Amino acid sequence: MNKIIVPVDFSEQSEFALEAAASLALKHGAELIVLHMLELSNTIISSANEALHQETLYFIKLAEQKFDKFLDKPYLKEVKVKPVIKHFKVWSEVNEVAKTYEANIIVMGSQGTSGFKEVLIGSNTEKVVRYSDVPVLVIKHNPILLEFEHGVFACDFSEDAIAPYQKAKATFKNLGIKMHLVYVNSPDGNFNSSSEIDQRVSKFLERAEGDLKLLNEINVVSDYTIEQGILHFANVIGADLIAVATHGRKGLSHFFEGSVSEDIANHSTLPVMTFKF
């Protein structure tokens, strides 16, 4: 792990993410790319109007001052930090920044959302999860003890899940995390018989691993919803982290089909890591 992106808005949640990212950076010798996105529109920034130009410069300077204060933290003293300011909020641009700097992971803080607000608005973290091609680690609380020893990777064992599984496996290995694979058999998913699950998992492992050595390590649980099954399993094994694959759905398809990964990221008290299909 060489570079970590940390989008911040100077909130308490983004400070939690910054501290978590600093801990990872120290452990793995990585550089932090700390990103702040201003509330300025592209129209204002590109305007030839002198008054608007001066206003833009004022807000950028103010953001730089807040950035300097925000980054004045004891836990950053031994970490290489590069502050980056983008002039307006386009959440897909976080993915572009990650690509530009060849970052390995994005770390974000989140309060999580619920109910009608969650469906219609969502959180900034949720938007980054949808767009990101690199893993996104979502931090909910103050990372007093950030030690990832046991991580759950929830998988539907479909052919589409092979790529995110392989990314997750490599990331877990890089971070020194033991992976616990889980399949949730639920009425809100495609409910399958035991033999159908065995066939599904076996086919997946043959494609993803080239053999069936991990077959006996797959955990199959049943619950009313996939989300409940994942969260319950994580609690039972004492996991430090939950990892899920995301389709990156947007707009109406997200509204009608939903996304287990985004629901988990919103509702889990544990850190959540997402990997895009």
Protein backbone atom coordinates (compact mmCIF):
# COMPACT_ATOMS: atom_id res chain seq x y z
CA MET A 1 0.00 0.00 0.00
CA ASN A 2 1.60 3.23 -1.21
CA LYS A 3 -1.05 5.96 -1.30
CA ILE A 4 -4.33 6.57 0.54
CA ILE A 5 -6.98 9.12 -0.49
CA VAL A 6 -8.88 10.81 2.37
CA PRO A 7 -11.73 13.15 1.29
CA VAL A 8 -12.49 15.58 4.16
CA ASP A 9 -15.08 18.26 4.86
CA PHE A 10 -13.58 19.28 8.24
CA SER A 11 -16.35 17.44 10.11
CA GLU A 12 -15.86 15.12 13.08
CA GLN A 13 -16.51 12.12 10.83
CA SER A 14 -13.83 13.14 8.34
CA GLU A 15 -11.40 13.57 11.23
CA PHE A 16 -12.15 9.99 12.28
CA ALA A 17 -11.32 8.93 8.71
CA LEU A 18 -8.12 10.99 8.70
CA GLU A 19 -6.92 9.39 11.93
CA ALA A 20 -7.76 5.90 10.65
CA ALA A 21 -5.94 6.60 7.38
CA ALA A 22 -2.92 7.94 9.30
CA SER A 23 -2.79 4.71 11.30
CA LEU A 24 -2.81 2.67 8.09
CA ALA A 25 -0.22 4.96 6.49
CA LEU A 26 2.16 4.57 9.44
CA LYS A 27 1.76 0.80 9.47
CA HIS A 28 2.34 0.40 5.73
CA GLY A 29 4.61 3.36 4.95
CA ALA A 30 1.98 5.01 2.73
CA GLU A 31 1.41 8.64 1.75
CA LEU A 32 -1.89 10.39 2.55
CA ILE A 33 -3.56 12.41 -0.20
CA VAL A 34 -6.03 14.54 1.79
CA LEU A 35 -8.74 15.91 -0.50
CA HIS A 36 -11.17 18.78 0.16
CA MET A 37 -13.90 19.73 -2.32
CA LEU A 38 -15.26 23.28 -2.29
CA GLU A 39 -18.93 24.23 -2.77
CA LEU A 40 -18.09 26.40 -5.80
CA SER A 41 -19.77 25.84 -9.16
CA ASN A 42 -17.77 25.55 -12.36
CA THR A 43 -19.66 28.61 -13.68
CA ILE A 44 -18.35 30.83 -10.88
CA ILE A 45 -14.80 29.49 -11.20
CA SER A 46 -14.64 30.04 -14.98
CA SER A 47 -16.44 33.41 -14.92
CA ALA A 48 -14.60 36.44 -16.34
CA ASN A 49 -16.38 38.68 -13.84
CA GLU A 50 -13.68 40.25 -11.64
CA ALA A 51 -15.89 40.33 -8.52
CA LEU A 52 -16.69 36.63 -8.87
CA HIS A 53 -13.01 35.90 -9.49
CA GLN A 54 -12.03 37.68 -6.27
CA GLU A 55 -14.78 35.83 -4.38
CA THR A 56 -13.44 32.52 -5.70
CA LEU A 57 -9.91 33.36 -4.58
CA TYR A 58 -11.26 34.32 -1.13
CA PHE A 59 -13.02 30.98 -0.65
CA ILE A 60 -9.99 29.04 -1.87
CA LYS A 61 -7.72 30.94 0.54
CA LEU A 62 -10.19 30.36 3.39
CA ALA A 63 -10.24 26.64 2.58
CA GLU A 64 -6.44 26.53 2.58
CA GLN A 65 -6.36 28.12 6.05
CA LYS A 66 -8.93 25.65 7.38
CA PHE A 67 -6.95 22.84 5.76
CA ASP A 68 -3.74 23.89 7.53
CA LYS A 69 -5.52 23.94 10.88
CA PHE A 70 -7.33 20.65 10.22
CA LEU A 71 -4.07 18.88 9.32
CA ASP A 72 -2.27 20.13 12.44
CA LYS A 73 -2.69 16.82 14.27
CA PRO A 74 -0.16 14.93 16.43
CA TYR A 75 -0.93 11.64 14.67
CA LEU A 76 0.13 13.16 11.32
CA LYS A 77 3.62 14.22 12.47
CA GLU A 78 5.32 11.12 11.07
CA VAL A 79 3.08 10.73 8.03
CA LYS A 80 3.73 12.14 4.57
CA VAL A 81 0.66 14.26 3.77
CA LYS A 82 -0.27 15.96 0.49
CA PRO A 83 -3.28 18.34 0.70
CA VAL A 84 -5.38 18.68 -2.48
CA ILE A 85 -8.23 21.17 -3.00
CA LYS A 86 -10.76 20.70 -5.80
CA HIS A 87 -12.89 23.71 -6.66
CA PHE A 88 -16.34 22.13 -6.75
CA LYS A 89 -18.17 19.02 -5.65
CA VAL A 90 -18.33 16.27 -8.23
CA TRP A 91 -18.15 13.02 -6.32
CA SER A 92 -17.09 10.98 -9.33
CA GLU A 93 -13.97 13.17 -9.31
CA VAL A 94 -12.73 11.46 -6.15
CA ASN A 95 -12.23 8.36 -8.29
CA GLU A 96 -10.29 10.45 -10.83
CA VAL A 97 -8.02 11.78 -8.07
CA ALA A 98 -7.44 8.21 -6.88
CA LYS A 99 -6.47 7.20 -10.42
CA THR A 100 -4.21 10.23 -10.89
CA TYR A 101 -2.25 9.47 -7.72
CA GLU A 102 -2.48 5.67 -8.22
CA ALA A 103 -4.01 5.32 -4.77
CA ASN A 104 -4.68 1.89 -3.30
CA ILE A 105 -7.66 2.85 -1.17
CA ILE A 106 -10.05 5.69 -0.27
CA VAL A 107 -10.82 6.22 3.43
CA MET A 108 -13.96 8.19 4.33
CA GLY A 109 -15.92 9.02 7.45
CA SER A 110 -19.69 8.68 7.55
CA GLN A 111 -22.55 9.22 9.96
CA GLY A 112 -24.79 6.99 7.90
CA THR A 113 -28.31 7.92 6.89
CA SER A 114 -31.67 6.27 7.18
CA GLY A 115 -35.25 6.36 6.02
CA PHE A 116 -36.61 8.62 3.27
CA LYS A 117 -33.58 10.90 3.36
CA GLU A 118 -31.32 7.94 2.60
CA VAL A 119 -33.28 6.99 -0.54
CA LEU A 120 -33.62 10.48 -1.98
CA ILE A 121 -30.38 12.12 -0.87
CA GLY A 122 -27.91 9.57 0.41
CA SER A 123 -24.61 10.56 1.97
CA ASN A 124 -21.46 11.88 0.36
CA THR A 125 -19.77 8.64 1.32
CA GLU A 126 -22.45 6.66 -0.47
CA LYS A 127 -21.84 8.70 -3.63
CA VAL A 128 -18.11 8.00 -3.50
CA VAL A 129 -18.80 4.28 -3.00
CA ARG A 130 -20.94 4.27 -6.15
CA TYR A 131 -18.27 5.82 -8.36
CA SER A 132 -15.01 4.47 -6.98
CA ASP A 133 -13.00 1.86 -8.87
CA VAL A 134 -10.62 1.46 -5.91
CA PRO A 135 -11.63 0.02 -2.51
CA VAL A 136 -13.42 2.46 -0.18
CA LEU A 137 -13.01 2.06 3.59
CA VAL A 138 -15.88 3.69 5.51
CA ILE A 139 -15.13 4.70 9.11
CA LYS A 140 -18.03 5.45 11.48
CA HIS A 141 -16.43 6.13 14.85
CA ASN A 142 -13.28 7.39 16.50
CA PRO A 143 -10.66 4.75 15.56
CA ILE A 144 -9.12 4.44 19.02
CA LEU A 145 -7.89 0.93 18.28
CA LEU A 146 -7.69 0.39 14.53
CA GLU A 147 -6.48 -3.18 14.27
CA PHE A 148 -8.00 -5.23 11.49
CA GLU A 149 -7.47 -8.90 12.31
CA HIS A 150 -10.70 -10.55 11.14
CA GLY A 151 -12.68 -9.32 8.15
CA VAL A 152 -15.92 -10.61 6.65
CA PHE A 153 -16.24 -10.66 2.87
CA ALA A 154 -19.88 -11.08 1.92
CA CYS A 155 -20.32 -12.61 -1.50
CA ASP A 156 -23.15 -13.94 -3.69
CA PHE A 157 -20.63 -16.23 -5.43
CA SER A 158 -21.77 -15.16 -8.87
CA GLU A 159 -19.41 -14.89 -11.83
CA ASP A 160 -19.57 -11.09 -11.55
CA ALA A 161 -18.24 -11.32 -7.98
CA ILE A 162 -14.96 -12.97 -9.00
CA ALA A 163 -13.12 -9.70 -9.74
CA PRO A 164 -14.14 -7.90 -6.50
CA TYR A 165 -13.38 -11.08 -4.53
CA GLN A 166 -9.87 -11.21 -5.97
CA LYS A 167 -9.37 -7.50 -5.21
CA ALA A 168 -10.61 -8.03 -1.67
CA LYS A 169 -8.39 -11.06 -1.18
CA ALA A 170 -5.31 -9.10 -2.29
CA THR A 171 -6.25 -6.11 -0.12
CA PHE A 172 -6.86 -8.29 2.94
CA LYS A 173 -3.51 -10.00 2.43
CA ASN A 174 -1.78 -6.64 2.06
CA LEU A 175 -3.36 -5.42 5.31
CA GLY A 176 -2.75 -8.67 7.19
CA ILE A 177 -6.47 -9.43 7.66
CA LYS A 178 -7.88 -12.95 7.87
CA MET A 179 -10.78 -13.24 5.42
CA HIS A 180 -14.02 -14.96 6.44
CA LEU A 181 -16.19 -15.66 3.38
CA VAL A 182 -19.96 -15.64 3.92
CA TYR A 183 -22.99 -16.37 1.76
CA VAL A 184 -26.38 -15.21 3.05
CA ASN A 185 -29.38 -17.29 2.01
CA SER A 186 -32.33 -14.94 2.30
CA PRO A 187 -35.87 -14.40 0.99
CA ASP A 188 -34.87 -10.92 -0.24
CA GLY A 189 -32.16 -12.47 -2.42
CA ASN A 190 -32.28 -15.61 -4.54
CA PHE A 191 -33.20 -18.24 -1.96
CA ASN A 192 -31.41 -21.49 -2.81
CA SER A 193 -31.36 -25.05 -1.54
CA SER A 194 -28.20 -26.44 0.09
CA SER A 195 -27.27 -28.36 -3.05
CA GLU A 196 -27.77 -25.27 -5.22
CA ILE A 197 -25.52 -23.25 -2.90
CA ASP A 198 -22.84 -25.97 -2.99
CA GLN A 199 -22.91 -25.97 -6.80
CA ARG A 200 -22.80 -22.17 -6.93
CA VAL A 201 -19.86 -21.92 -4.52
CA SER A 202 -17.93 -24.76 -6.18
CA LYS A 203 -18.27 -23.18 -9.61
CA PHE A 204 -17.14 -19.83 -8.19
CA LEU A 205 -14.05 -21.27 -6.49
CA GLU A 206 -13.04 -23.21 -9.60
CA ARG A 207 -13.13 -19.96 -11.58
CA ALA A 208 -11.66 -17.67 -8.91
CA GLU A 209 -9.11 -20.00 -7.29
CA GLY A 210 -8.64 -22.84 -9.77
CA ASP A 211 -9.49 -25.43 -7.11
CA LEU A 212 -11.89 -26.22 -4.25
CA LYS A 213 -9.47 -25.93 -1.33
CA LEU A 214 -11.53 -23.18 0.31
CA LEU A 215 -14.85 -25.00 -0.02
CA ASN A 216 -15.00 -26.01 3.64
CA GLU A 217 -14.17 -22.46 4.73
CA ILE A 218 -17.27 -20.90 3.17
CA ASN A 219 -19.80 -19.82 5.78
CA VAL A 220 -23.46 -20.11 4.76
CA VAL A 221 -26.01 -18.33 6.97
CA SER A 222 -29.76 -17.82 6.65
CA ASP A 223 -31.55 -14.62 7.64
CA TYR A 224 -34.56 -12.49 6.76
CA THR A 225 -32.42 -10.06 4.76
CA ILE A 226 -28.92 -10.19 3.31
CA GLU A 227 -27.93 -7.12 5.32
CA GLN A 228 -29.08 -8.66 8.62
CA GLY A 229 -27.27 -11.90 7.82
CA ILE A 230 -23.98 -10.13 7.12
CA LEU A 231 -24.17 -7.95 10.23
CA HIS A 232 -25.14 -10.90 12.46
CA PHE A 233 -22.34 -13.11 11.13
CA ALA A 234 -19.79 -10.31 11.62
CA ASN A 235 -20.94 -9.95 15.22
CA VAL A 236 -20.77 -13.71 15.91
CA ILE A 237 -17.16 -14.08 14.75
CA GLY A 238 -16.03 -10.80 16.32
CA ALA A 239 -15.05 -9.20 13.01
CA ASP A 240 -13.19 -5.89 12.88
CA LEU A 241 -14.24 -5.12 9.30
CA ILE A 242 -16.97 -5.94 6.78
CA ALA A 243 -16.17 -6.02 3.06
CA VAL A 244 -18.77 -6.17 0.29
CA ALA A 245 -18.91 -5.83 -3.48
CA THR A 246 -20.92 -2.97 -4.99
CA HIS A 247 -22.52 -2.59 -8.42
CA GLY A 248 -22.22 1.19 -8.17
CA ARG A 249 -25.90 1.69 -9.01
CA LYS A 250 -27.12 5.24 -9.49
CA GLY A 251 -30.42 7.02 -9.95
CA LEU A 252 -33.62 5.03 -10.50
CA SER A 253 -31.91 1.63 -10.59
CA HIS A 254 -30.54 2.33 -7.11
CA PHE A 255 -33.99 3.51 -5.95
CA PHE A 256 -35.83 0.40 -7.12
CA GLU A 257 -33.18 -2.31 -6.80
CA GLY A 258 -31.32 -1.00 -3.79
CA SER A 259 -27.74 -1.88 -2.94
CA VAL A 260 -26.72 -4.17 -0.11
CA SER A 261 -23.24 -2.65 -0.04
CA GLU A 262 -24.52 0.91 0.41
CA ASP A 263 -27.03 -0.21 3.05
CA ILE A 264 -24.24 -1.97 4.94
CA ALA A 265 -22.00 1.10 4.64
CA ASN A 266 -24.82 3.23 6.04
CA HIS A 267 -25.95 0.98 8.87
CA SER A 268 -22.93 -0.98 10.11
CA THR A 269 -21.13 0.23 13.22
CA LEU A 270 -18.02 -1.61 12.02
CA PRO A 271 -15.72 -0.15 9.36
CA VAL A 272 -16.92 -1.21 5.90
CA MET A 273 -14.79 -1.71 2.80
CA THR A 274 -16.39 -1.79 -0.65
CA PHE A 275 -15.10 -3.28 -3.90
CA LYS A 276 -16.73 -2.40 -7.22
CA PHE A 277 -17.94 -5.07 -9.65
